[in-house]
Amino acid sequence: MSTRSLRYGPLALVVISWLSAPLRAETEPASLTKAHRLEDTHQYVLACQAFDEIAKSDRDSTEAREGYLRCLRIIHLERRHRDESFRTKLLGLKRPSDALDVYEKVLVALRDNYLDKDKVDVASLFRQGLLGLHFALLDEVFKSEYLSNVPTKDIEDFSNRLLELIDAKIQNEADAREKVKEVALAAVALKLKPTVVIFEFTWGACNALDEYTTCLTPRQWNDLHGNTKGNFIGIGVRLGVSAQKQLVIAKVFADSPAQDLLKPFDRILEINGHDISKFEFPNDLAKVGDLLRGDEGSTVELKVESPGGMMMMGMVGARVVKVQRGRVPVRSVGDPLVLPPDDAKDASAVGYVRVNSFSDTTVQDLKSAILRLESSGIDALILDLRSNPGGSFPAGVKVAELFMTEGVIAYKQGRDKEESHKALNPNAFLMPVVVLVDGDTASAAEVVAGALKENNRARLIGETTFGKGSIQKLVQFDNKVPGGMRITVAHFLSPSNQPYHGQGVVPHRVIEQSENGSDTQLQAAKEEARALANAMRNMKMKMMQ
């Protein structure tokens, strides 16, 4: 499954979208019919994937995008309430007034920072929070967790009474706070804790603006901060689903707690006693990920089977592994490589380096990697940005500048002003560059790809990029309340003032990845790099004549 499907938070849709299912025409395409059917049967991850695939092939499909965002909102709601840090550190607050303080702070932060001032009217944010709670009351996971012993009619009556507050007079943050307090007290009749109600209003308001503006649980807050600093807390594996829909380890990170204990393609059978065969994949992949998470220093017990192990009478061939969660270094830049020539007659040496994400360490790490390749005598460079979700916008600008002596890198449109980011680097790397991109190349990675393409500094190979053209700011809830929020504060545009959002960057050569296991995109990039190197060599020879 593409990481795109679970990467970003949801966009709150118009009121009617949340109160009833949309009317569907008899003649809708079969792909949309399937996506809606998955949604109707509560297979939200699969539905999200289906809507996402339609949206990627038809970027003008409003129905696919709304369906994607609608399902994504449910996924995030359910994940939030399974998140132990959310349940203990936020829902566990002893004083509802502390939760109300967070709600009010979220409203103020949105008012003062969000890119579009017209969208952060406090009455609208209150209504979206109200709809967030209404939506939660309809969700089976939420009801089973908090309302399992409450008659369905009582839940429906309370939910319908909520809708009567849609037109409540809310003039400022204090009015919104007081009205949320009233709802929280009324919900006690359903045996709902006040903090549960207040935080549904909080998340609902924050998610009402775009798919990137969202509240973050304490764990998500810490993970996000860790990734920008180059590390996170965990055991150091990436999960995957095999062709047989079994849970496997897709990757083991270097220098992680799991490095010497687990290997790629190990099949996971149990996590802390939970039988994984009872889960459905990929629909339950996020649930399993939550089982692996925990505090630094805590231990998780896995029962795994390596490739080639025999499964007879249940568990023969399996082994139990105990892994202590710890700080996992996130390598923003991979090891540089000099790719061997495909043709003995071709003397061009091509360097290769992959950038996995953009963090505080990316620029220096990439510069060091390229210097190592230069010392090896490369004639051209392949910069691999595939599956790079982005990260730090300033890091993306500085990476582009590594290859540009001058020129516009990007324009940034903020709330009150527009800025231009320009290169001024007399020491820029001047070798020919080929950039690999795909549908999961996003955000800061698109800044690099777009800048190098439009300044004629690189050739792009692969697939059209994701199309995320916004910048977010992190705001912490409070010193005494963990967690925070991510707020969209700006859009960025290409050097020719073209939007990235919803459009992406189209490569010079569109090449889809082969399904037979061979890396056709990399092969095309090698051919392009050698052609550029040969062209530069011939040009230099002519200049010397």
Protein backbone atom coordinates (compact mmCIF):
# COMPACT_ATOMS: atom_id res chain seq x y z
CA MET A 1 0.00 0.00 0.00
CA SER A 2 1.28 3.44 -0.83
CA THR A 3 2.35 5.46 2.19
CA ARG A 4 0.40 8.31 0.70
CA SER A 5 -2.87 6.79 1.93
CA LEU A 6 -2.02 7.28 5.61
CA ARG A 7 0.38 10.15 5.60
CA TYR A 8 -1.80 13.16 6.15
CA GLY A 9 -4.70 14.20 8.34
CA PRO A 10 -8.24 14.71 7.02
CA LEU A 11 -10.00 17.71 5.59
CA ALA A 12 -13.40 18.50 7.11
CA LEU A 13 -16.00 18.54 4.37
CA VAL A 14 -19.23 20.50 4.17
CA VAL A 15 -21.81 19.73 6.85
CA ILE A 16 -24.04 17.50 4.75
CA SER A 17 -21.13 15.18 3.92
CA TRP A 18 -20.94 14.12 7.55
CA LEU A 19 -24.65 13.85 8.24
CA SER A 20 -25.60 11.46 5.47
CA ALA A 21 -24.01 9.31 2.83
CA PRO A 22 -23.63 11.09 -0.51
CA LEU A 23 -26.10 10.25 -3.25
CA ARG A 24 -24.47 7.99 -5.84
CA ALA A 25 -25.48 7.88 -9.46
CA GLU A 26 -26.35 4.56 -11.05
CA THR A 27 -23.76 5.20 -13.75
CA GLU A 28 -20.75 5.87 -11.49
CA PRO A 29 -17.52 4.14 -12.59
CA ALA A 30 -16.93 0.63 -11.28
CA SER A 31 -13.82 1.76 -9.39
CA LEU A 32 -15.83 4.31 -7.40
CA THR A 33 -18.53 1.72 -6.76
CA LYS A 34 -15.92 -0.58 -5.25
CA ALA A 35 -14.44 2.20 -3.13
CA HIS A 36 -17.87 3.16 -1.78
CA ARG A 37 -18.67 -0.48 -1.06
CA LEU A 38 -15.47 -0.83 0.97
CA GLU A 39 -16.37 2.33 2.87
CA ASP A 40 -19.92 1.14 3.54
CA THR A 41 -18.58 -2.13 4.98
CA HIS A 42 -16.19 -0.20 7.27
CA GLN A 43 -13.03 -1.37 5.46
CA TYR A 44 -11.66 2.13 5.70
CA VAL A 45 -8.00 1.48 4.91
CA LEU A 46 -8.88 -0.43 1.75
CA ALA A 47 -11.47 2.20 0.84
CA CYS A 48 -8.93 4.94 1.41
CA GLN A 49 -6.49 3.12 -0.85
CA ALA A 50 -9.15 2.68 -3.54
CA PHE A 51 -10.19 6.35 -3.47
CA ASP A 52 -6.51 7.34 -3.48
CA GLU A 53 -5.75 5.30 -6.58
CA ILE A 54 -8.69 6.91 -8.40
CA ALA A 55 -7.58 10.39 -7.30
CA LYS A 56 -4.04 9.75 -8.51
CA SER A 57 -5.24 8.69 -11.96
CA ASP A 58 -7.87 11.45 -12.15
CA ARG A 59 -6.70 14.50 -10.18
CA ASP A 60 -9.96 16.32 -11.01
CA SER A 61 -12.17 13.69 -9.35
CA THR A 62 -13.82 15.58 -6.48
CA GLU A 63 -15.76 12.51 -5.38
CA ALA A 64 -12.62 10.39 -5.09
CA ARG A 65 -10.80 13.06 -3.11
CA GLU A 66 -13.74 13.62 -0.75
CA GLY A 67 -14.09 9.86 -0.25
CA TYR A 68 -10.37 9.58 0.47
CA LEU A 69 -10.52 12.37 3.04
CA ARG A 70 -13.72 11.04 4.59
CA CYS A 71 -12.20 7.60 5.15
CA LEU A 72 -8.95 9.10 6.30
CA ARG A 73 -10.81 11.02 8.99
CA ILE A 74 -12.26 7.75 10.31
CA ILE A 75 -8.85 6.06 10.23
CA HIS A 76 -7.32 8.87 12.26
CA LEU A 77 -10.22 8.90 14.72
CA GLU A 78 -9.86 5.18 15.40
CA ARG A 79 -6.07 5.32 15.58
CA ARG A 80 -6.25 8.25 17.98
CA HIS A 81 -8.42 6.32 20.40
CA ARG A 82 -6.14 3.28 20.21
CA ASP A 83 -3.09 5.46 20.90
CA GLU A 84 -2.07 4.77 24.50
CA SER A 85 -0.47 8.20 24.83
CA PHE A 86 -3.77 9.84 23.87
CA ARG A 87 -5.80 7.65 26.21
CA THR A 88 -3.60 8.06 29.26
CA LYS A 89 -2.04 11.50 28.93
CA LEU A 90 -4.93 13.44 27.39
CA LEU A 91 -8.16 11.57 28.13
CA GLY A 92 -6.66 10.82 31.55
CA LEU A 93 -6.42 14.50 32.55
CA LYS A 94 -8.01 14.83 35.97
CA ARG A 95 -9.33 18.35 35.45
CA PRO A 96 -11.64 18.99 32.48
CA SER A 97 -10.56 22.62 32.69
CA ASP A 98 -7.09 21.57 31.47
CA ALA A 99 -8.69 19.98 28.38
CA LEU A 100 -10.77 23.13 27.85
CA ASP A 101 -7.56 25.17 28.04
CA VAL A 102 -6.15 23.05 25.20
CA TYR A 103 -9.33 23.51 23.14
CA GLU A 104 -9.18 27.29 23.55
CA LYS A 105 -5.47 27.35 22.73
CA VAL A 106 -6.13 25.41 19.51
CA LEU A 107 -8.76 27.95 18.46
CA VAL A 108 -6.41 30.86 19.17
CA ALA A 109 -3.47 29.19 17.40
CA LEU A 110 -5.60 28.60 14.30
CA ARG A 111 -6.88 32.18 14.38
CA ASP A 112 -3.37 33.63 14.65
CA ASN A 113 -1.44 31.31 12.32
CA TYR A 114 -3.57 29.56 9.72
CA LEU A 115 -2.84 30.57 6.14
CA ASP A 116 -6.40 31.54 5.16
CA LYS A 117 -7.85 34.01 7.69
CA ASP A 118 -11.34 33.59 6.26
CA LYS A 119 -11.46 29.92 7.26
CA VAL A 120 -10.72 30.35 10.97
CA ASP A 121 -13.94 32.00 12.09
CA VAL A 122 -14.49 30.74 15.63
CA ALA A 123 -18.17 29.87 15.01
CA SER A 124 -17.18 27.68 12.05
CA LEU A 125 -14.46 25.96 14.08
CA PHE A 126 -16.99 25.26 16.84
CA ARG A 127 -19.41 23.74 14.32
CA GLN A 128 -16.71 21.51 12.87
CA GLY A 129 -15.83 20.31 16.37
CA LEU A 130 -19.50 19.61 16.98
CA LEU A 131 -19.63 17.55 13.81
CA GLY A 132 -16.46 15.77 14.90
CA LEU A 133 -18.21 14.57 18.07
CA HIS A 134 -21.36 13.68 16.12
CA PHE A 135 -19.21 11.68 13.72
CA ALA A 136 -17.47 9.85 16.59
CA LEU A 137 -20.84 8.84 18.07
CA LEU A 138 -21.61 7.03 14.80
CA ASP A 139 -18.30 5.16 14.69
CA GLU A 140 -18.36 1.51 15.79
CA VAL A 141 -14.87 1.58 17.31
CA PHE A 142 -15.66 4.69 19.36
CA LYS A 143 -18.98 3.24 20.53
CA SER A 144 -17.47 -0.10 21.51
CA GLU A 145 -14.78 1.69 23.52
CA TYR A 146 -16.87 4.28 25.36
CA LEU A 147 -20.57 3.47 24.86
CA SER A 148 -20.78 -0.34 24.88
CA ASN A 149 -23.43 -0.44 27.63
CA VAL A 150 -25.43 2.56 26.42
CA PRO A 151 -28.69 1.88 24.52
CA THR A 152 -28.47 2.78 20.85
CA LYS A 153 -31.54 5.01 21.11
CA ASP A 154 -29.90 7.11 23.84
CA ILE A 155 -26.83 7.61 21.64
CA GLU A 156 -28.96 8.57 18.64
CA ASP A 157 -31.07 10.99 20.68
CA PHE A 158 -27.99 12.71 22.09
CA SER A 159 -26.37 12.86 18.65
CA ASN A 160 -29.49 14.46 17.16
CA ARG A 161 -29.63 17.02 19.97
CA LEU A 162 -26.06 17.95 19.15
CA LEU A 163 -27.12 19.04 15.68
CA GLU A 164 -29.48 21.59 17.21
CA LEU A 165 -26.36 23.51 18.29
CA ILE A 166 -25.14 23.96 14.70
CA ASP A 167 -26.46 27.54 14.69
CA ALA A 168 -25.40 28.38 18.24
CA LYS A 169 -24.23 31.99 18.67
CA ILE A 170 -20.46 31.81 19.06
CA GLN A 171 -18.70 35.18 18.89
CA ASN A 172 -15.31 34.41 20.45
CA GLU A 173 -13.15 31.67 21.95
CA ALA A 174 -14.70 32.13 25.41
CA ASP A 175 -18.19 31.49 23.97
CA ALA A 176 -16.95 28.34 22.25
CA ARG A 177 -15.29 27.12 25.43
CA GLU A 178 -18.45 27.63 27.47
CA LYS A 179 -20.63 25.83 24.93
CA VAL A 180 -18.21 22.86 24.74
CA LYS A 181 -18.28 22.70 28.53
CA GLU A 182 -22.10 22.50 28.41
CA VAL A 183 -21.98 19.63 25.90
CA ALA A 184 -19.35 17.79 27.95
CA LEU A 185 -21.52 18.01 31.08
CA ALA A 186 -24.59 16.85 29.16
CA ALA A 187 -22.66 13.85 27.78
CA VAL A 188 -22.17 12.54 31.31
CA ALA A 189 -25.67 11.10 30.88
CA LEU A 190 -24.09 8.73 28.32
CA LYS A 191 -21.28 8.00 30.81
CA LEU A 192 -18.82 9.78 28.52
CA LYS A 193 -15.90 11.39 30.31
CA PRO A 194 -15.79 15.17 29.78
CA THR A 195 -12.24 14.94 28.39
CA VAL A 196 -13.42 12.56 25.63
CA VAL A 197 -16.01 15.08 24.49
CA ILE A 198 -13.70 18.09 24.75
CA PHE A 199 -10.94 16.48 22.71
CA GLU A 200 -13.36 15.45 19.96
CA PHE A 201 -14.25 19.14 19.67
CA THR A 202 -10.54 19.96 19.68
CA TRP A 203 -9.57 17.51 16.94
CA GLY A 204 -12.68 18.34 14.92
CA ALA A 205 -11.86 22.07 14.87
CA CYS A 206 -8.25 21.45 13.92
CA ASN A 207 -9.17 19.06 11.12
CA ALA A 208 -11.69 21.44 9.61
CA LEU A 209 -9.29 23.34 7.39
CA ASP A 210 -7.15 21.08 5.20
CA GLU A 211 -5.69 17.59 5.18
CA TYR A 212 -2.39 18.69 6.74
CA THR A 213 -3.62 20.82 9.63
CA THR A 214 -4.26 18.46 12.52
CA CYS A 215 -3.85 17.89 16.25
CA LEU A 216 -1.16 15.43 17.34
CA THR A 217 -1.26 12.95 20.17
CA PRO A 218 1.71 12.98 22.58
CA ARG A 219 3.27 10.05 20.72
CA GLN A 220 2.74 11.64 17.31
CA TRP A 221 4.21 14.90 18.61
CA ASN A 222 7.33 13.14 19.89
CA ASP A 223 7.68 11.07 16.71
CA LEU A 224 7.41 14.16 14.51
CA HIS A 225 9.99 16.03 16.54
CA GLY A 226 12.25 12.99 16.50
CA ASN A 227 12.04 12.63 12.73
CA THR A 228 13.03 16.25 12.16
CA LYS A 229 15.99 15.70 14.49
CA GLY A 230 16.94 12.43 12.81
CA ASN A 231 15.58 9.78 15.20
CA PHE A 232 12.43 8.24 16.70
CA ILE A 233 11.49 5.82 19.49
CA GLY A 234 10.66 2.26 18.43
CA ILE A 235 12.23 -1.10 17.62
CA GLY A 236 13.38 -0.04 14.15
CA VAL A 237 11.30 -1.97 11.62
CA ARG A 238 8.94 -1.10 8.80
CA LEU A 239 5.94 -3.40 8.40
CA GLY A 240 4.63 -4.80 5.13
CA VAL A 241 2.02 -7.21 3.80
CA SER A 242 3.00 -10.19 1.65
CA ALA A 243 1.17 -11.34 -1.48
CA GLN A 244 -0.57 -13.89 0.77
CA LYS A 245 -1.76 -10.98 3.00
CA GLN A 246 0.51 -12.02 5.86
CA LEU A 247 2.29 -9.53 8.12
CA VAL A 248 6.01 -9.36 7.39
CA ILE A 249 8.94 -7.11 8.19
CA ALA A 250 9.67 -5.01 5.12
CA LYS A 251 12.78 -3.30 6.45
CA VAL A 252 15.05 -3.33 9.51
CA PHE A 253 16.72 0.02 10.17
CA ALA A 254 20.48 0.15 10.70
CA ASP A 255 21.70 0.74 14.25
CA SER A 256 18.23 0.02 15.64
CA PRO A 257 17.24 -2.29 18.54
CA ALA A 258 15.95 -4.84 16.02
CA GLN A 259 19.06 -4.85 13.83
CA ASP A 260 20.58 -8.12 15.13
CA LEU A 261 17.28 -9.77 16.08
CA LEU A 262 15.03 -9.48 13.04
CA LYS A 263 15.46 -9.61 9.28
CA PRO A 264 13.47 -8.48 6.24
CA PHE A 265 10.76 -10.98 5.20
CA ASP A 266 10.44 -12.37 8.74
CA ARG A 267 6.76 -13.20 9.21
CA ILE A 268 5.24 -11.87 12.44
CA LEU A 269 2.94 -14.36 14.17
CA GLU A 270 2.32 -12.70 17.55
CA ILE A 271 2.98 -9.34 19.23
CA ASN A 272 2.87 -9.41 23.02
CA GLY A 273 0.60 -12.44 22.86
CA HIS A 274 -1.77 -10.98 20.27
CA ASP A 275 -2.45 -13.56 17.54
CA ILE A 276 -1.75 -11.75 14.27
CA SER A 277 -3.74 -14.30 12.25
CA LYS A 278 -6.91 -12.69 13.64
CA PHE A 279 -6.11 -9.42 11.89
CA GLU A 280 -7.03 -8.62 8.28
CA PHE A 281 -4.35 -7.00 6.11
CA PRO A 282 -3.79 -4.40 4.88
CA ASN A 283 -6.91 -3.09 6.67
CA ASP A 284 -5.47 -3.70 10.16
CA LEU A 285 -1.89 -2.70 9.44
CA ALA A 286 -2.22 0.49 11.50
CA LYS A 287 -3.54 -1.49 14.49
CA VAL A 288 -0.48 -3.72 14.43
CA GLY A 289 1.79 -0.68 14.20
CA ASP A 290 0.19 0.62 17.38
CA LEU A 291 1.04 -2.65 19.16
CA LEU A 292 4.72 -2.15 18.37
CA ARG A 293 4.84 1.38 19.76
CA GLY A 294 5.76 2.19 23.34
CA ASP A 295 7.99 4.20 25.62
CA GLU A 296 11.76 4.18 25.40
CA GLY A 297 13.20 1.31 27.43
CA SER A 298 10.03 -0.81 27.37
CA THR A 299 10.06 -4.29 25.80
CA VAL A 300 7.93 -5.88 23.11
CA GLU A 301 7.79 -9.66 22.59
CA LEU A 302 7.43 -10.98 19.06
CA LYS A 303 6.86 -14.47 17.75
CA VAL A 304 8.30 -14.62 14.24
CA GLU A 305 9.13 -17.11 11.54
CA SER A 306 11.96 -16.59 9.07
CA PRO A 307 11.70 -17.49 5.37
CA GLY A 308 12.03 -21.22 4.87
CA GLY A 309 10.65 -22.10 8.31
CA MET A 310 8.13 -24.92 8.45
CA MET A 311 4.65 -24.37 9.85
CA MET A 312 3.40 -27.75 11.00
CA MET A 313 0.94 -28.27 13.82
CA GLY A 314 0.80 -24.53 14.34
CA MET A 315 4.13 -23.13 15.49
CA VAL A 316 7.05 -25.39 14.55
CA GLY A 317 9.91 -23.28 13.25
CA ALA A 318 8.83 -20.11 15.04
CA ARG A 319 10.99 -18.25 17.56
CA VAL A 320 10.29 -15.68 20.25
CA VAL A 321 12.24 -12.42 20.17
CA LYS A 322 12.23 -9.76 22.88
CA VAL A 323 13.16 -6.29 21.64
CA GLN A 324 13.70 -3.28 23.87
CA ARG A 325 12.32 -0.10 22.36
CA GLY A 326 14.91 2.61 21.94
CA ARG A 327 16.00 5.56 19.88
CA VAL A 328 16.18 4.63 16.20
CA PRO A 329 18.39 6.83 14.03
CA VAL A 330 16.64 7.95 10.87
CA ARG A 331 19.15 8.13 8.07
CA SER A 332 18.07 11.02 5.94
CA VAL A 333 20.72 10.25 3.31
CA GLY A 334 21.72 6.75 2.21
CA ASP A 335 25.22 5.50 1.52
CA PRO A 336 26.65 6.91 -1.73
CA LEU A 337 27.40 4.39 -4.48
CA VAL A 338 29.31 4.39 -7.75
CA LEU A 339 27.17 2.40 -10.17
CA PRO A 340 29.02 -0.09 -12.37
CA PRO A 341 28.77 0.53 -16.14
CA ASP A 342 26.39 -1.62 -18.16
CA ASP A 343 28.69 -1.48 -21.15
CA ALA A 344 32.44 -2.08 -20.93
CA LYS A 345 32.94 0.57 -23.63
CA ASP A 346 31.23 3.23 -21.50
CA ALA A 347 33.83 4.96 -19.37
CA SER A 348 31.34 7.23 -17.59
CA ALA A 349 31.20 6.81 -13.81
CA VAL A 350 27.75 7.50 -12.36
CA GLY A 351 27.23 8.22 -8.68
CA TYR A 352 24.04 7.39 -6.82
CA VAL A 353 22.65 8.71 -3.54
CA ARG A 354 19.19 8.41 -2.03
CA VAL A 355 17.58 11.08 0.16
CA ASN A 356 14.92 9.44 2.34
CA SER A 357 13.58 12.59 4.01
CA PHE A 358 14.53 16.18 4.81
CA SER A 359 15.67 16.95 8.36
CA ASP A 360 18.17 19.15 10.18
CA THR A 361 21.04 16.87 9.11
CA THR A 362 20.14 16.35 5.44
CA VAL A 363 22.15 19.15 3.80
CA GLN A 364 25.45 18.31 5.46
CA ASP A 365 24.94 14.55 5.06
CA LEU A 366 24.17 14.92 1.36
CA LYS A 367 27.08 17.29 0.78
CA SER A 368 29.46 14.81 2.44
CA ALA A 369 28.07 11.94 0.35
CA ILE A 370 28.54 13.84 -2.92
CA LEU A 371 32.07 14.89 -1.97
CA ARG A 372 32.89 11.21 -1.44
CA LEU A 373 31.49 10.42 -4.87
CA GLU A 374 33.45 13.27 -6.43
CA SER A 375 36.64 11.90 -4.93
CA SER A 376 35.83 8.63 -6.72
CA GLY A 377 35.77 10.51 -10.03
CA ILE A 378 32.09 10.39 -10.97
CA ASP A 379 30.94 12.05 -14.19
CA ALA A 380 27.24 12.36 -13.30
CA LEU A 381 24.95 11.94 -10.30
CA ILE A 382 21.61 10.24 -9.74
CA LEU A 383 19.64 11.81 -6.87
CA ASP A 384 16.91 9.40 -5.78
CA LEU A 385 13.91 11.15 -4.20
CA ARG A 386 11.40 8.33 -4.65
CA SER A 387 9.11 7.67 -1.66
CA ASN A 388 10.55 10.77 0.02
CA PRO A 389 7.64 12.34 2.00
CA GLY A 390 9.49 15.63 2.47
CA GLY A 391 10.05 17.19 5.87
CA SER A 392 11.90 20.43 6.51
CA PHE A 393 11.16 23.09 3.86
CA PRO A 394 14.39 25.04 4.64
CA ALA A 395 16.37 21.82 4.20
CA GLY A 396 14.75 21.30 0.79
CA VAL A 397 15.70 24.82 -0.29
CA LYS A 398 19.30 24.32 0.84
CA VAL A 399 19.57 20.95 -0.93
CA ALA A 400 18.42 22.53 -4.20
CA GLU A 401 21.04 25.26 -3.70
CA LEU A 402 23.77 22.62 -3.51
CA PHE A 403 23.34 22.23 -7.28
CA MET A 404 22.53 25.82 -8.30
CA THR A 405 24.89 28.79 -8.51
CA GLU A 406 21.92 31.12 -8.98
CA GLY A 407 18.23 31.20 -9.82
CA VAL A 408 14.87 31.01 -8.03
CA ILE A 409 14.35 27.85 -6.00
CA ALA A 410 10.78 28.46 -4.82
CA TYR A 411 8.25 31.13 -3.92
CA LYS A 412 6.51 30.99 -0.56
CA GLN A 413 3.07 32.57 -0.10
CA GLY A 414 2.40 33.18 3.56
CA ARG A 415 -0.55 34.69 5.37
CA ASP A 416 0.49 38.28 4.81
CA LYS A 417 3.43 38.22 2.42
CA GLU A 418 5.22 36.43 -0.40
CA GLU A 419 8.88 35.47 -0.25
CA SER A 420 11.26 34.24 -2.91
CA HIS A 421 14.01 31.75 -2.12
CA LYS A 422 16.96 32.15 -4.47
CA ALA A 423 20.22 30.30 -4.91
CA LEU A 424 23.52 32.11 -4.52
CA ASN A 425 26.18 29.43 -4.34
CA PRO A 426 29.45 29.91 -6.26
CA ASN A 427 30.59 26.52 -4.93
CA ALA A 428 27.61 24.54 -6.24
CA PHE A 429 28.14 21.02 -7.58
CA LEU A 430 28.22 21.26 -11.37
CA MET A 431 28.13 17.64 -12.53
CA PRO A 432 25.13 16.49 -14.63
CA VAL A 433 22.25 15.42 -12.38
CA VAL A 434 19.33 13.04 -12.88
CA VAL A 435 16.55 13.06 -10.27
CA LEU A 436 14.35 10.02 -9.66
CA VAL A 437 10.78 10.80 -8.51
CA ASP A 438 7.51 8.93 -8.05
CA GLY A 439 3.96 9.41 -6.74
CA ASP A 440 5.18 9.43 -3.13
CA THR A 441 7.78 12.16 -3.69
CA ALA A 442 6.24 15.02 -1.73
CA SER A 443 6.62 18.39 -0.05
CA ALA A 444 10.28 19.47 0.39
CA ALA A 445 11.32 16.75 -2.07
CA GLU A 446 9.11 18.43 -4.67
CA VAL A 447 10.81 21.75 -3.95
CA VAL A 448 14.12 20.15 -4.95
CA ALA A 449 12.73 18.34 -7.99
CA GLY A 450 10.82 21.36 -9.27
CA ALA A 451 13.69 23.80 -8.74
CA LEU A 452 16.24 21.61 -10.53
CA LYS A 453 13.85 20.90 -13.39
CA GLU A 454 12.73 24.47 -14.05
CA ASN A 455 16.27 25.84 -13.76
CA ASN A 456 17.41 23.25 -16.32
CA ARG A 457 19.79 21.88 -13.72
CA ALA A 458 18.61 18.26 -13.79
CA ARG A 459 16.63 15.73 -15.80
CA LEU A 460 13.73 14.09 -13.98
CA ILE A 461 12.86 10.41 -14.47
CA GLY A 462 9.92 8.44 -13.02
CA GLU A 463 6.34 9.39 -12.21
CA THR A 464 4.46 12.61 -11.41
CA THR A 465 5.07 13.57 -7.79
CA PHE A 466 2.48 13.65 -5.01
CA GLY A 467 1.50 17.33 -5.16
CA LYS A 468 1.81 18.69 -1.61
CA GLY A 469 2.52 22.38 -1.82
CA SER A 470 2.04 23.58 1.74
CA ILE A 471 4.20 24.34 4.77
CA GLN A 472 3.18 23.55 8.35
CA LYS A 473 4.13 25.06 11.70
CA LEU A 474 4.27 23.03 14.92
CA VAL A 475 2.56 24.46 18.02
CA GLN A 476 2.74 22.70 21.38
CA PHE A 477 -0.44 22.40 23.43
CA ASP A 478 0.97 23.39 26.79
CA ASN A 479 3.91 22.70 29.08
CA LYS A 480 1.65 20.67 31.37
CA VAL A 481 -0.38 18.97 28.61
CA PRO A 482 1.65 16.89 26.11
CA GLY A 483 0.96 16.90 22.40
CA GLY A 484 0.45 19.67 19.91
CA MET A 485 -0.78 20.65 16.50
CA ARG A 486 0.45 21.10 12.95
CA ILE A 487 -0.90 24.20 11.19
CA THR A 488 -0.65 25.10 7.51
CA VAL A 489 0.97 28.53 7.39
CA ALA A 490 2.08 28.89 3.75
CA HIS A 491 1.98 27.51 0.22
CA PHE A 492 5.04 27.16 -1.94
CA LEU A 493 5.22 27.54 -5.72
CA SER A 494 7.70 26.52 -8.38
CA PRO A 495 10.29 28.96 -9.83
CA SER A 496 7.82 29.75 -12.62
CA ASN A 497 5.07 30.45 -10.04
CA GLN A 498 3.24 27.19 -10.71
CA PRO A 499 1.43 25.52 -7.78
CA TYR A 500 2.58 22.13 -6.59
CA HIS A 501 -0.59 21.43 -4.62
CA GLY A 502 -2.71 18.85 -6.39
CA GLN A 503 -0.48 19.04 -9.47
CA GLY A 504 2.92 17.68 -8.54
CA VAL A 505 6.02 17.79 -10.71
CA VAL A 506 5.88 16.01 -14.06
CA PRO A 507 9.22 14.37 -14.95
CA HIS A 508 10.92 14.81 -18.31
CA ARG A 509 10.54 11.07 -18.91
CA VAL A 510 7.52 9.33 -17.40
CA ILE A 511 8.46 5.74 -16.62
CA GLU A 512 6.37 3.44 -14.45
CA GLN A 513 8.09 0.95 -12.22
CA SER A 514 8.17 -2.61 -13.51
CA GLU A 515 6.20 -5.25 -11.64
CA ASN A 516 8.75 -8.01 -12.31
CA GLY A 517 11.13 -6.82 -9.58
CA SER A 518 13.59 -4.96 -11.82
CA ASP A 519 14.13 -1.24 -11.21
CA THR A 520 13.25 0.12 -14.65
CA GLN A 521 13.29 3.71 -13.39
CA LEU A 522 16.83 3.43 -12.06
CA GLN A 523 17.96 1.78 -15.27
CA ALA A 524 16.51 4.68 -17.28
CA ALA A 525 18.19 7.15 -14.93
CA LYS A 526 21.57 5.44 -15.45
CA GLU A 527 21.15 5.69 -19.22
CA GLU A 528 20.18 9.36 -18.92
CA ALA A 529 23.08 10.14 -16.61
CA ARG A 530 25.61 8.52 -18.92
CA ALA A 531 24.16 10.37 -21.91
CA LEU A 532 24.49 13.68 -20.04
CA ALA A 533 28.05 12.82 -18.97
CA ASN A 534 29.03 11.95 -22.55
CA ALA A 535 27.43 15.17 -23.84
CA MET A 536 29.38 17.23 -21.32
CA ARG A 537 32.60 15.41 -22.16
CA ASN A 538 32.09 16.08 -25.89
CA MET A 539 31.33 19.73 -25.20
CA LYS A 540 34.54 20.13 -23.20
CA MET A 541 36.55 18.47 -25.98
CA LYS A 542 35.11 20.89 -28.56
CA MET A 543 35.95 23.85 -26.36
CA MET A 544 39.55 22.66 -26.09
CA GLN A 545 39.98 22.32 -29.86
